[in-house]
Each structure stands twice: as C-alpha cells, then as structure tokens.
N, C-alpha and C. Protein backbone atom coordinates (compact mmCIF):
# COMPACT_ATOMS: atom_id res chain seq x y z
N UNK A 1 -79.00 -128.19 -2.40
CA UNK A 1 -78.26 -127.22 -3.20
C UNK A 1 -79.04 -125.91 -3.18
N UNK A 2 -78.43 -124.81 -2.92
CA UNK A 2 -79.09 -123.52 -2.86
C UNK A 2 -79.22 -122.96 -4.24
N UNK A 3 -80.35 -122.28 -4.49
CA UNK A 3 -80.54 -121.61 -5.74
C UNK A 3 -80.38 -120.13 -5.54
N UNK A 4 -80.57 -119.35 -6.59
CA UNK A 4 -80.45 -117.92 -6.53
C UNK A 4 -81.31 -117.36 -5.40
N UNK A 5 -80.85 -116.29 -4.72
CA UNK A 5 -81.54 -115.63 -3.64
C UNK A 5 -81.70 -116.51 -2.41
N UNK A 6 -80.93 -117.58 -2.32
CA UNK A 6 -80.98 -118.39 -1.13
C UNK A 6 -82.14 -119.36 -1.08
N UNK A 7 -83.00 -119.42 -2.03
CA UNK A 7 -84.13 -120.34 -2.00
C UNK A 7 -83.58 -121.76 -2.19
N UNK A 8 -84.09 -122.67 -1.45
CA UNK A 8 -83.63 -124.06 -1.53
C UNK A 8 -84.46 -124.83 -2.56
N UNK A 9 -83.75 -125.54 -3.41
CA UNK A 9 -84.40 -126.44 -4.35
C UNK A 9 -84.74 -127.75 -3.60
N UNK A 10 -85.86 -128.35 -3.86
CA UNK A 10 -86.17 -129.61 -3.23
C UNK A 10 -85.05 -130.63 -3.52
N UNK A 11 -84.60 -131.29 -2.47
CA UNK A 11 -83.46 -132.18 -2.56
C UNK A 11 -83.66 -133.40 -3.46
N UNK A 12 -84.96 -133.79 -3.64
CA UNK A 12 -85.23 -134.98 -4.46
C UNK A 12 -85.38 -134.68 -5.94
N UNK A 13 -84.98 -133.47 -6.39
CA UNK A 13 -85.04 -133.16 -7.79
C UNK A 13 -83.66 -133.41 -8.40
N UNK A 14 -83.60 -134.26 -9.42
CA UNK A 14 -82.32 -134.61 -10.03
C UNK A 14 -81.56 -133.36 -10.58
N UNK A 15 -80.25 -133.42 -10.52
CA UNK A 15 -79.41 -132.25 -10.91
C UNK A 15 -79.73 -131.78 -12.31
N UNK A 16 -79.95 -132.70 -13.25
CA UNK A 16 -80.24 -132.26 -14.66
C UNK A 16 -81.56 -131.49 -14.73
N UNK A 17 -82.51 -131.82 -13.91
CA UNK A 17 -83.78 -131.08 -13.89
C UNK A 17 -83.56 -129.72 -13.23
N UNK A 18 -82.76 -129.65 -12.20
CA UNK A 18 -82.51 -128.39 -11.51
C UNK A 18 -81.91 -127.34 -12.43
N UNK A 19 -81.16 -127.81 -13.44
CA UNK A 19 -80.47 -126.93 -14.33
C UNK A 19 -81.42 -126.36 -15.42
N UNK A 20 -82.60 -126.92 -15.57
CA UNK A 20 -83.55 -126.45 -16.60
C UNK A 20 -84.22 -125.15 -16.18
N UNK A 21 -84.47 -124.30 -17.18
CA UNK A 21 -85.24 -123.13 -16.96
C UNK A 21 -86.69 -123.57 -16.74
N UNK A 22 -87.50 -122.66 -16.20
CA UNK A 22 -88.91 -122.95 -16.02
C UNK A 22 -89.56 -123.37 -17.36
N UNK A 23 -89.30 -122.61 -18.39
CA UNK A 23 -89.91 -122.85 -19.69
C UNK A 23 -89.51 -124.17 -20.28
N UNK A 24 -88.21 -124.53 -20.18
CA UNK A 24 -87.79 -125.82 -20.68
C UNK A 24 -88.36 -127.00 -19.90
N UNK A 25 -88.42 -126.85 -18.59
CA UNK A 25 -88.98 -127.89 -17.74
C UNK A 25 -90.49 -128.06 -18.05
N UNK A 26 -91.19 -126.98 -18.22
CA UNK A 26 -92.62 -127.08 -18.53
C UNK A 26 -92.86 -127.72 -19.91
N UNK A 27 -92.04 -127.35 -20.87
CA UNK A 27 -92.15 -127.95 -22.21
C UNK A 27 -91.93 -129.48 -22.15
N UNK A 28 -90.90 -129.88 -21.40
CA UNK A 28 -90.66 -131.32 -21.28
C UNK A 28 -91.78 -132.02 -20.52
N UNK A 29 -92.29 -131.35 -19.51
CA UNK A 29 -93.40 -131.94 -18.73
C UNK A 29 -94.64 -132.12 -19.58
N UNK A 30 -94.93 -131.15 -20.41
CA UNK A 30 -96.10 -131.25 -21.31
C UNK A 30 -95.90 -132.39 -22.30
N UNK A 31 -94.71 -132.60 -22.76
CA UNK A 31 -94.46 -133.69 -23.72
C UNK A 31 -94.65 -135.05 -23.02
N UNK A 32 -94.20 -135.13 -21.77
CA UNK A 32 -94.39 -136.36 -21.00
C UNK A 32 -95.85 -136.66 -20.77
N UNK A 33 -96.62 -135.62 -20.41
CA UNK A 33 -98.02 -135.84 -20.20
C UNK A 33 -98.70 -136.32 -21.44
N UNK A 34 -98.37 -135.74 -22.59
CA UNK A 34 -98.99 -136.19 -23.86
C UNK A 34 -98.65 -137.68 -24.13
N UNK A 35 -97.36 -138.04 -23.95
CA UNK A 35 -96.99 -139.44 -24.16
C UNK A 35 -97.75 -140.38 -23.24
N UNK A 36 -97.83 -139.99 -21.96
CA UNK A 36 -98.55 -140.88 -20.99
C UNK A 36 -100.06 -140.94 -21.34
N UNK A 37 -100.64 -139.85 -21.78
CA UNK A 37 -102.08 -139.87 -22.11
C UNK A 37 -102.33 -140.76 -23.33
N UNK A 38 -101.37 -140.89 -24.24
CA UNK A 38 -101.51 -141.73 -25.40
C UNK A 38 -101.45 -143.19 -25.01
N UNK A 39 -100.81 -143.49 -23.93
CA UNK A 39 -100.72 -144.87 -23.46
C UNK A 39 -99.88 -145.82 -24.31
N UNK A 40 -98.94 -145.27 -25.03
CA UNK A 40 -98.06 -146.07 -25.87
C UNK A 40 -96.80 -146.37 -25.09
N UNK A 41 -96.17 -147.45 -25.44
CA UNK A 41 -94.86 -147.80 -24.85
C UNK A 41 -95.00 -148.81 -23.73
N UNK A 42 -93.84 -149.21 -23.25
CA UNK A 42 -93.78 -150.26 -22.21
C UNK A 42 -94.10 -149.65 -20.84
N UNK A 43 -94.51 -150.51 -19.94
CA UNK A 43 -94.89 -150.06 -18.58
C UNK A 43 -93.65 -149.42 -17.89
N UNK A 44 -92.46 -150.05 -18.01
CA UNK A 44 -91.23 -149.46 -17.40
C UNK A 44 -90.98 -148.08 -17.92
N UNK A 45 -91.17 -147.88 -19.20
CA UNK A 45 -90.96 -146.53 -19.73
C UNK A 45 -91.98 -145.52 -19.23
N UNK A 46 -93.20 -145.97 -19.06
CA UNK A 46 -94.24 -145.10 -18.52
C UNK A 46 -93.93 -144.72 -17.07
N UNK A 47 -93.47 -145.65 -16.27
CA UNK A 47 -93.09 -145.40 -14.88
C UNK A 47 -91.94 -144.40 -14.82
N UNK A 48 -90.95 -144.63 -15.68
CA UNK A 48 -89.79 -143.69 -15.70
C UNK A 48 -90.23 -142.29 -16.09
N UNK A 49 -91.13 -142.24 -17.13
CA UNK A 49 -91.60 -140.95 -17.55
C UNK A 49 -92.40 -140.25 -16.45
N UNK A 50 -93.24 -141.01 -15.75
CA UNK A 50 -94.02 -140.47 -14.65
C UNK A 50 -93.13 -139.88 -13.55
N UNK A 51 -92.07 -140.63 -13.21
CA UNK A 51 -91.12 -140.17 -12.23
C UNK A 51 -90.43 -138.89 -12.68
N UNK A 52 -90.04 -138.85 -13.92
CA UNK A 52 -89.35 -137.66 -14.47
C UNK A 52 -90.35 -136.50 -14.47
N UNK A 53 -91.58 -136.74 -14.86
CA UNK A 53 -92.60 -135.70 -14.88
C UNK A 53 -92.87 -135.15 -13.48
N UNK A 54 -92.86 -136.04 -12.48
CA UNK A 54 -93.07 -135.59 -11.09
C UNK A 54 -91.93 -134.68 -10.69
N UNK A 55 -90.73 -135.00 -11.04
CA UNK A 55 -89.57 -134.14 -10.66
C UNK A 55 -89.66 -132.78 -11.40
N UNK A 56 -90.10 -132.81 -12.66
CA UNK A 56 -90.25 -131.60 -13.40
C UNK A 56 -91.35 -130.72 -12.79
N UNK A 57 -92.42 -131.31 -12.38
CA UNK A 57 -93.52 -130.58 -11.72
C UNK A 57 -93.02 -129.89 -10.47
N UNK A 58 -92.29 -130.62 -9.63
CA UNK A 58 -91.78 -130.04 -8.40
C UNK A 58 -90.81 -128.90 -8.68
N UNK A 59 -90.00 -129.07 -9.71
CA UNK A 59 -89.03 -128.02 -10.10
C UNK A 59 -89.80 -126.75 -10.58
N UNK A 60 -90.83 -126.92 -11.39
CA UNK A 60 -91.63 -125.82 -11.85
C UNK A 60 -92.30 -125.10 -10.67
N UNK A 61 -92.81 -125.86 -9.75
CA UNK A 61 -93.48 -125.24 -8.58
C UNK A 61 -92.48 -124.44 -7.79
N UNK A 62 -91.26 -124.97 -7.63
CA UNK A 62 -90.22 -124.27 -6.88
C UNK A 62 -89.84 -122.97 -7.61
N UNK A 63 -89.70 -123.02 -8.92
CA UNK A 63 -89.39 -121.84 -9.72
C UNK A 63 -90.48 -120.80 -9.57
N UNK A 64 -91.72 -121.21 -9.66
CA UNK A 64 -92.84 -120.27 -9.49
C UNK A 64 -92.89 -119.63 -8.13
N UNK A 65 -92.64 -120.48 -7.10
CA UNK A 65 -92.62 -119.92 -5.71
C UNK A 65 -91.53 -118.90 -5.55
N UNK A 66 -90.36 -119.20 -6.11
CA UNK A 66 -89.21 -118.26 -6.06
C UNK A 66 -89.55 -116.97 -6.79
N UNK A 67 -90.15 -117.08 -7.93
CA UNK A 67 -90.51 -115.87 -8.71
C UNK A 67 -91.53 -115.00 -7.92
N UNK A 68 -92.52 -115.65 -7.31
CA UNK A 68 -93.50 -114.93 -6.52
C UNK A 68 -92.83 -114.18 -5.35
N UNK A 69 -91.95 -114.86 -4.69
CA UNK A 69 -91.25 -114.22 -3.56
C UNK A 69 -90.38 -113.09 -4.00
N UNK A 70 -89.73 -113.23 -5.16
CA UNK A 70 -88.91 -112.15 -5.70
C UNK A 70 -89.78 -110.95 -6.08
N UNK A 71 -90.94 -111.15 -6.65
CA UNK A 71 -91.80 -110.06 -7.02
C UNK A 71 -92.30 -109.34 -5.73
N UNK A 72 -92.63 -110.10 -4.74
CA UNK A 72 -93.07 -109.48 -3.47
C UNK A 72 -91.96 -108.62 -2.84
N UNK A 73 -90.68 -109.12 -2.94
CA UNK A 73 -89.58 -108.36 -2.41
C UNK A 73 -89.37 -107.07 -3.20
N UNK A 74 -89.54 -107.18 -4.52
CA UNK A 74 -89.39 -106.00 -5.37
C UNK A 74 -90.46 -104.95 -4.99
N UNK A 75 -91.67 -105.41 -4.83
CA UNK A 75 -92.78 -104.53 -4.44
C UNK A 75 -92.50 -103.82 -3.14
N UNK A 76 -91.80 -104.48 -2.22
CA UNK A 76 -91.46 -103.89 -0.93
C UNK A 76 -90.24 -102.99 -0.97
N UNK A 77 -89.47 -103.04 -2.04
CA UNK A 77 -88.23 -102.31 -2.13
C UNK A 77 -88.45 -100.80 -2.12
N UNK A 78 -89.62 -100.34 -2.52
CA UNK A 78 -89.89 -98.92 -2.55
C UNK A 78 -90.11 -98.31 -1.15
N UNK A 79 -90.14 -99.08 -0.13
CA UNK A 79 -90.28 -98.61 1.20
C UNK A 79 -91.71 -98.42 1.67
N UNK A 80 -92.59 -97.90 0.84
CA UNK A 80 -93.96 -97.67 1.16
C UNK A 80 -94.90 -98.72 0.67
N UNK A 81 -94.45 -99.48 -0.27
CA UNK A 81 -95.33 -100.49 -0.90
C UNK A 81 -95.68 -101.61 0.08
N UNK A 82 -96.87 -102.07 -0.07
CA UNK A 82 -97.30 -103.22 0.73
C UNK A 82 -97.52 -104.37 -0.18
N UNK A 83 -97.27 -105.59 0.27
CA UNK A 83 -97.52 -106.79 -0.56
C UNK A 83 -98.72 -107.47 -0.07
N UNK A 84 -99.38 -108.15 -0.99
CA UNK A 84 -100.49 -109.01 -0.68
C UNK A 84 -100.20 -110.36 -1.32
N UNK A 85 -100.69 -111.41 -0.71
CA UNK A 85 -100.43 -112.75 -1.30
C UNK A 85 -100.95 -112.80 -2.72
N UNK A 86 -100.23 -113.48 -3.55
CA UNK A 86 -100.59 -113.68 -4.95
C UNK A 86 -101.73 -114.70 -5.00
N UNK A 87 -102.85 -114.30 -5.59
CA UNK A 87 -104.05 -115.19 -5.68
C UNK A 87 -104.24 -115.55 -7.15
N UNK A 88 -104.17 -116.82 -7.44
CA UNK A 88 -104.28 -117.24 -8.84
C UNK A 88 -105.71 -117.52 -9.21
N UNK A 89 -106.64 -117.49 -8.28
CA UNK A 89 -108.07 -117.73 -8.60
C UNK A 89 -108.76 -116.54 -9.16
C-alpha cells in the first residue's frame, strides 16, 4: 500500500498500525515496552505484545524515514539549497 508522496509502507505492517500517526504509534509502543519490562501476564500475551511492538517500531521507522526525505526535498525546493544526510549522532 502506498503512503503519501509515494513512499511504500512495509508490507508486513498490519493495516490498523499503518493508520496510526507517528505519535500514537510511539505512545502505544512505549506502553508495550513498559508492560513487557514488568514481566506480568501470560506468555502468549507477551508474544502477541512483542509482535505488535515490532510492527509499531517498523511503522515509526518508516514514518521517520518519510519525514526526513520530505525535509530534504523541501530544502532542495529553493533551487540553490544543498542537502546533507541527517545525522542523529
């Protein structure tokens, strides 16, 4: 499924996760991490939560990649601007 600006969403991300904003996905991912760190609940629930968290992580990474690419395109829109790779370190 194509997302805005033609960027492709990873095919293994469930549709309900794809519909989440970055902020909502990150909030849910943080809640899952906290639950898993507490170690409460059944093993099957923990596995399901881990799988959901993994999909949320991939979704957030795709959203961040798309945002970075959009910012780089905006910087180039002025004609004279040059872009440099975004360095998080």
